[in-house]
Protein backbone atom coordinates (compact mmCIF):
# COMPACT_ATOMS: atom_id res chain seq x y z
CA MET A 1 -15.40 -6.43 24.39
CA LEU A 2 -15.97 -3.13 26.18
CA ALA A 3 -12.32 -2.12 25.17
CA SER A 4 -12.68 -3.41 21.61
CA ILE A 5 -12.73 -1.15 18.30
CA PRO A 6 -16.04 -0.82 16.81
CA SER A 7 -16.61 -1.08 13.10
CA PRO A 8 -18.70 1.06 11.01
CA SER A 9 -22.12 -0.47 10.08
CA GLU A 10 -21.88 0.04 6.52
CA GLY A 11 -19.16 1.25 4.00
CA VAL A 12 -20.91 3.92 2.34
CA LEU A 13 -21.27 7.63 3.49
CA LYS A 14 -24.27 9.41 2.42
CA ILE A 15 -24.18 13.07 1.89
CA GLY A 16 -27.57 14.27 0.82
CA PRO A 17 -28.65 12.50 -2.44
CA ALA A 18 -24.90 11.36 -3.11
CA SER A 19 -23.27 8.06 -1.82
CA ILE A 20 -19.57 7.66 -1.46
CA HIS A 21 -17.93 4.53 -0.96
CA ALA A 22 -15.45 5.03 2.11
CA TYR A 23 -12.90 2.53 0.75
CA GLY A 24 -12.75 4.61 -2.20
CA LEU A 25 -12.67 7.96 -0.50
CA CYS A 26 -9.73 6.43 1.77
CA ILE A 27 -7.70 5.37 -1.21
CA ALA A 28 -8.21 9.01 -2.89
CA LEU A 29 -7.21 10.67 0.45
CA GLY A 30 -4.08 8.56 0.64
CA VAL A 31 -3.38 9.28 -3.14
CA MET A 32 -3.64 13.16 -2.66
CA ALA A 33 -1.32 12.95 0.59
CA ALA A 34 1.35 10.85 -1.28
CA VAL A 35 1.26 13.63 -4.30
CA ALA A 36 1.51 16.43 -2.00
CA THR A 37 4.49 14.86 0.07
CA ALA A 38 6.34 13.76 -3.19
CA ALA A 39 5.87 17.43 -4.92
CA HIS A 40 7.07 19.00 -1.65
CA ARG A 41 10.16 16.72 -1.35
CA TRP A 42 10.91 17.18 -5.26
CA LYS A 43 10.80 21.05 -4.84
CA ARG A 44 13.09 20.60 -1.92
CA ARG A 45 15.60 19.22 -4.43
CA GLY A 46 15.21 22.05 -7.00
CA GLY A 47 12.55 20.66 -9.19
CA SER A 48 8.96 21.83 -9.90
CA GLY A 49 5.95 20.57 -8.12
CA ASP A 50 4.29 20.26 -11.49
CA ASP A 51 6.70 17.57 -12.52
CA ILE A 52 5.25 15.33 -9.64
CA VAL A 53 1.61 16.18 -10.87
CA LYS A 54 2.37 15.16 -14.30
CA VAL A 55 4.16 12.01 -13.34
CA ALA A 56 1.03 11.02 -11.06
CA THR A 57 -1.80 11.98 -13.73
CA TRP A 58 -0.46 8.78 -15.11
CA ALA A 59 1.01 6.68 -12.33
CA VAL A 60 -1.95 7.02 -10.16
CA PRO A 61 -4.38 5.44 -12.69
CA ALA A 62 -1.95 2.74 -13.68
CA GLY A 63 -1.37 2.04 -10.02
CA VAL A 64 -4.94 1.29 -9.47
CA ILE A 65 -5.28 -0.76 -12.58
CA GLY A 66 -2.16 -2.63 -11.65
CA ALA A 67 -3.56 -3.17 -8.05
CA ARG A 68 -6.89 -4.50 -9.20
CA LEU A 69 -5.06 -6.77 -11.63
CA TYR A 70 -2.93 -8.32 -9.28
CA HIS A 71 -5.71 -8.83 -6.87
CA VAL A 72 -8.10 -10.69 -9.39
CA ALA A 73 -5.13 -12.46 -10.82
CA THR A 74 -4.38 -14.12 -7.12
CA ASP A 75 -7.94 -14.20 -6.01
CA TRP A 76 -9.62 -15.52 -9.57
CA LYS A 77 -11.88 -17.95 -7.93
CA SER A 78 -13.93 -15.12 -6.18
CA TYR A 79 -15.14 -13.88 -9.55
CA ARG A 80 -15.68 -16.92 -11.31
CA GLY A 81 -19.19 -16.86 -12.89
CA HIS A 82 -19.45 -13.17 -12.33
CA TRP A 83 -16.52 -11.64 -14.12
CA LEU A 84 -17.98 -8.17 -14.36
CA ASP A 85 -17.60 -7.69 -10.92
CA ALA A 86 -13.50 -7.65 -11.46
CA PHE A 87 -14.04 -4.38 -13.13
CA THR A 88 -17.13 -2.90 -11.75
CA LYS A 89 -16.68 -3.38 -7.93
CA ILE A 90 -13.34 -1.72 -7.17
CA GLY A 91 -15.03 0.73 -4.89
CA LYS A 92 -16.11 -2.03 -2.48
CA GLY A 93 -12.40 -3.38 -2.08
CA GLY A 94 -9.95 -5.73 -4.01
CA LEU A 95 -7.08 -3.54 -4.68
CA GLY A 96 -3.32 -5.57 -4.22
CA ILE A 97 -0.59 -3.32 -3.35
CA TRP A 98 2.07 -5.33 -5.02
CA GLY A 99 0.58 -4.68 -8.60
CA GLY A 100 -0.32 -0.96 -7.66
CA VAL A 101 3.40 -0.03 -6.44
CA ALA A 102 4.74 -2.35 -9.49
CA LEU A 103 2.77 -0.63 -12.50
CA GLY A 104 2.38 2.77 -11.05
CA ALA A 105 6.04 2.98 -10.48
CA LEU A 106 6.99 1.62 -13.75
CA VAL A 107 4.56 4.09 -15.62
CA GLY A 108 5.76 6.86 -13.36
CA LEU A 109 9.22 6.37 -14.42
CA TRP A 110 8.40 6.04 -17.90
CA VAL A 111 6.62 9.61 -18.03
CA GLY A 112 9.47 10.97 -15.87
CA ARG A 113 12.05 9.57 -18.06
CA ARG A 114 9.97 11.24 -21.24
CA ARG A 115 10.11 14.75 -19.33
CA GLY A 116 13.76 14.26 -18.81
CA LEU A 117 13.96 13.71 -14.85
CA SER A 118 16.36 11.81 -12.94
CA MET A 119 14.61 8.33 -12.10
CA SER A 120 16.69 7.57 -9.22
CA THR A 121 15.31 11.04 -7.43
CA LEU A 122 11.98 10.42 -8.49
CA LEU A 123 12.19 6.91 -6.64
CA ASP A 124 13.59 8.67 -3.69
CA VAL A 125 11.07 11.41 -3.39
CA SER A 126 8.32 9.03 -3.64
CA ALA A 127 9.72 6.32 -1.07
CA PRO A 128 8.07 7.84 1.94
CA ALA A 129 4.90 8.92 0.07
CA ILE A 130 4.07 5.63 -0.84
CA PRO A 131 3.56 4.22 2.49
CA LEU A 132 1.90 7.37 3.70
CA ALA A 133 -0.60 6.66 1.07
CA GLN A 134 -0.90 3.07 2.22
CA ALA A 135 -1.36 3.92 5.64
CA ILE A 136 -4.36 6.11 4.92
CA GLY A 137 -5.78 3.83 2.40
CA ARG A 138 -5.73 0.88 4.58
CA TRP A 139 -8.90 2.50 6.72
CA GLY A 140 -11.01 1.67 3.75
CA ASN A 141 -10.57 -1.98 4.66
CA TRP A 142 -11.95 -0.96 8.33
CA TRP A 143 -14.87 0.68 6.74
CA ASN A 144 -15.61 -2.64 4.89
CA GLN A 145 -15.18 -5.02 7.81
CA GLU A 146 -12.59 -6.85 5.76
CA LEU A 147 -8.97 -8.40 5.98
CA PHE A 148 -9.06 -8.83 9.56
CA GLY A 149 -7.03 -11.46 11.52
CA ARG A 150 -7.78 -14.11 13.67
CA PRO A 151 -10.45 -13.97 16.70
CA THR A 152 -8.69 -12.08 19.81
CA THR A 153 -10.02 -10.84 23.04
CA LEU A 154 -7.08 -8.12 23.19
CA PRO A 155 -8.17 -4.74 24.38
CA TRP A 156 -7.57 -3.35 20.73
CA ALA A 157 -9.55 -6.12 19.34
CA LEU A 158 -12.04 -5.25 16.43
CA ARG A 159 -15.57 -6.07 16.53
CA ILE A 160 -17.14 -7.57 13.31
CA ASP A 161 -20.58 -8.02 12.61
CA PRO A 162 -21.82 -11.32 12.32
CA ALA A 163 -22.77 -11.15 8.55
CA ASN A 164 -19.10 -10.30 7.80
CA ARG A 165 -17.39 -13.04 10.07
CA PRO A 166 -15.97 -16.29 8.14
CA PRO A 167 -18.19 -19.39 8.95
CA GLN A 168 -15.46 -20.88 10.86
CA TYR A 169 -15.46 -18.10 13.34
CA ALA A 170 -19.14 -17.21 13.45
CA ASN A 171 -19.18 -17.51 17.22
CA SER A 172 -16.07 -15.06 17.63
CA ALA A 173 -16.91 -11.39 17.90
CA THR A 174 -13.59 -9.67 17.87
CA PHE A 175 -10.62 -10.10 15.56
CA HIS A 176 -7.24 -8.79 15.48
CA PRO A 177 -7.40 -5.42 13.58
CA THR A 178 -4.73 -6.16 10.69
CA PHE A 179 -5.88 -3.09 8.95
CA LEU A 180 -4.51 -0.93 11.93
CA TYR A 181 -1.45 -2.96 12.40
CA GLU A 182 -0.39 -2.30 8.78
CA SER A 183 -1.46 1.20 8.71
CA LEU A 184 0.76 1.71 11.91
CA TRP A 185 3.52 -0.14 10.47
CA ASN A 186 3.30 1.89 7.23
CA LEU A 187 3.68 5.09 9.57
CA VAL A 188 6.70 3.68 11.36
CA VAL A 189 8.20 2.86 7.79
CA VAL A 190 7.66 6.56 6.82
CA GLY A 191 9.40 7.71 9.82
CA LEU A 192 12.48 5.41 9.34
CA LEU A 193 12.86 6.56 5.80
CA LEU A 194 13.06 10.04 6.72
CA VAL A 195 15.61 9.10 9.53
CA ALA A 196 17.72 7.20 7.13
CA GLU A 197 17.43 9.70 4.70
CA ARG A 198 18.96 12.40 7.05
CA ARG A 199 21.60 9.98 8.83
CA LEU A 200 22.82 7.57 6.23
CA ARG A 201 24.66 8.26 2.94
CA LEU A 202 22.57 6.01 0.74
CA ARG A 203 23.14 6.03 -3.07
CA PRO A 204 20.40 7.71 -5.18
CA GLY A 205 17.59 5.16 -5.45
CA ARG A 206 18.60 2.99 -2.54
CA LEU A 207 15.78 4.86 -0.30
CA PHE A 208 13.20 3.37 -2.49
CA ALA A 209 14.68 -0.20 -1.99
CA LEU A 210 14.75 0.64 1.73
CA TYR A 211 11.13 1.15 1.65
CA VAL A 212 10.44 -2.29 -0.13
CA VAL A 213 12.50 -3.90 2.48
CA LEU A 214 10.87 -2.29 5.57
CA TYR A 215 7.27 -2.49 4.10
CA THR A 216 7.63 -6.34 2.87
CA PHE A 217 9.37 -6.98 6.23
CA GLY A 218 6.07 -6.10 8.30
CA ARG A 219 3.71 -7.19 5.72
CA PHE A 220 4.90 -10.99 6.11
CA PHE A 221 4.05 -11.16 9.77
CA ILE A 222 0.99 -9.06 9.28
CA GLU A 223 -0.02 -11.64 6.59
CA ARG A 224 0.34 -14.55 9.07
CA VAL A 225 -2.13 -13.20 11.18
CA ARG A 226 -5.03 -12.79 8.67
CA ILE A 227 -7.70 -15.35 7.89
CA ASP A 228 -9.12 -13.76 4.91
CA HIS A 229 -9.61 -15.97 1.70
CA ALA A 230 -6.29 -16.18 -0.22
CA SER A 231 -4.43 -18.42 -2.56
CA HIS A 232 -1.96 -20.69 -1.07
CA VAL A 233 1.37 -22.29 -2.29
CA GLY A 234 2.84 -25.02 -0.08
CA GLY A 235 1.05 -23.84 2.87
CA LEU A 236 1.87 -20.18 2.58
CA ARG A 237 -0.60 -17.46 1.76
CA ILE A 238 0.57 -16.24 -1.85
CA ASN A 239 1.17 -12.57 -0.15
CA GLU A 240 3.43 -14.33 2.23
CA ILE A 241 5.58 -15.48 -0.66
CA VAL A 242 5.67 -12.45 -2.36
CA SER A 243 6.51 -10.57 0.50
CA ALA A 244 9.65 -12.77 1.33
CA VAL A 245 10.62 -12.50 -2.68
CA VAL A 246 10.18 -8.93 -2.62
CA PHE A 247 12.25 -8.26 0.46
CA ALA A 248 15.08 -10.42 -0.72
CA GLY A 249 15.22 -8.35 -3.96
CA GLY A 250 15.16 -4.92 -1.97
CA LEU A 251 17.83 -6.22 0.47
CA ALA A 252 20.12 -7.50 -2.65
CA VAL A 253 19.71 -3.83 -4.23
CA LEU A 254 20.57 -2.26 -0.58
CA LEU A 255 23.86 -4.59 -0.23
CA LEU A 256 25.05 -4.21 -3.88
CA PRO A 257 28.67 -2.62 -3.43
CA VAL A 258 28.53 1.18 -3.52
CA ARG A 259 30.92 3.00 -5.62
CA ARG A 260 33.63 5.12 -3.92
CA VAL A 261 33.12 8.40 -5.74
CA GLN A 262 29.06 9.10 -5.68
CA ARG A 263 27.49 11.67 -7.73
CA VAL A 264 24.40 13.44 -6.38
CA ALA A 265 21.54 13.30 -9.06
CA ASN A 266 19.63 16.45 -9.78
CA PRO A 267 15.77 16.59 -9.95
CA ALA A 268 16.16 17.28 -13.57
CA GLN A 269 18.94 16.07 -15.93
């Protein structure tokens, strides 16, 4: 208990008369870090940072919408009887990364294609930027005292207020800080992607596939620790199943035969 990680008493930051939801702030900081990182990487390939800003202008809102739709679709019972909350209380939590990355990437690629940009290069410059955003955004769960794991007395256990504990664990004070596990894993993913980019000769677009494989690998095991409410299929949390399926898809892309003659994609074509 003495070595446990404390939790904020509330998830709202009050600056004068203004109140800011810390969850939303963490998401916003993550997005800004991702856009800045992707723009920097894009410029190093000879492109214009304005290209990334233009793509992000459409991809980020689409990602938020996709993340919310995925969350509501997989946890719709929580909104039964008060469906309006599904659209008005995003700042208090409830964004599914799967829907966010999927819709955000699709819209981003569509915008990039209309601007004549290389889609494979867009994916590669975004690959380490996305887990960086996730690493920062996960701290919003800490502010909300949500999405923690099973009870534990480890030195890095997270202290949760009684009001936020599941009924079956009302007498437990400290839990696995799964938000921290995922945040740290995402930073590891960023590092591994940058190393792979320098040391491996990956075909254009494969760095993004490697991100998918690395992230879902860690997410699967983190999901097995979490105890928050979730839909189950065959005894598995829906996000465990999605992690396994997406991992397999990403691995298949990585293992596809590589043509002997490779062409380096330019940022603009």
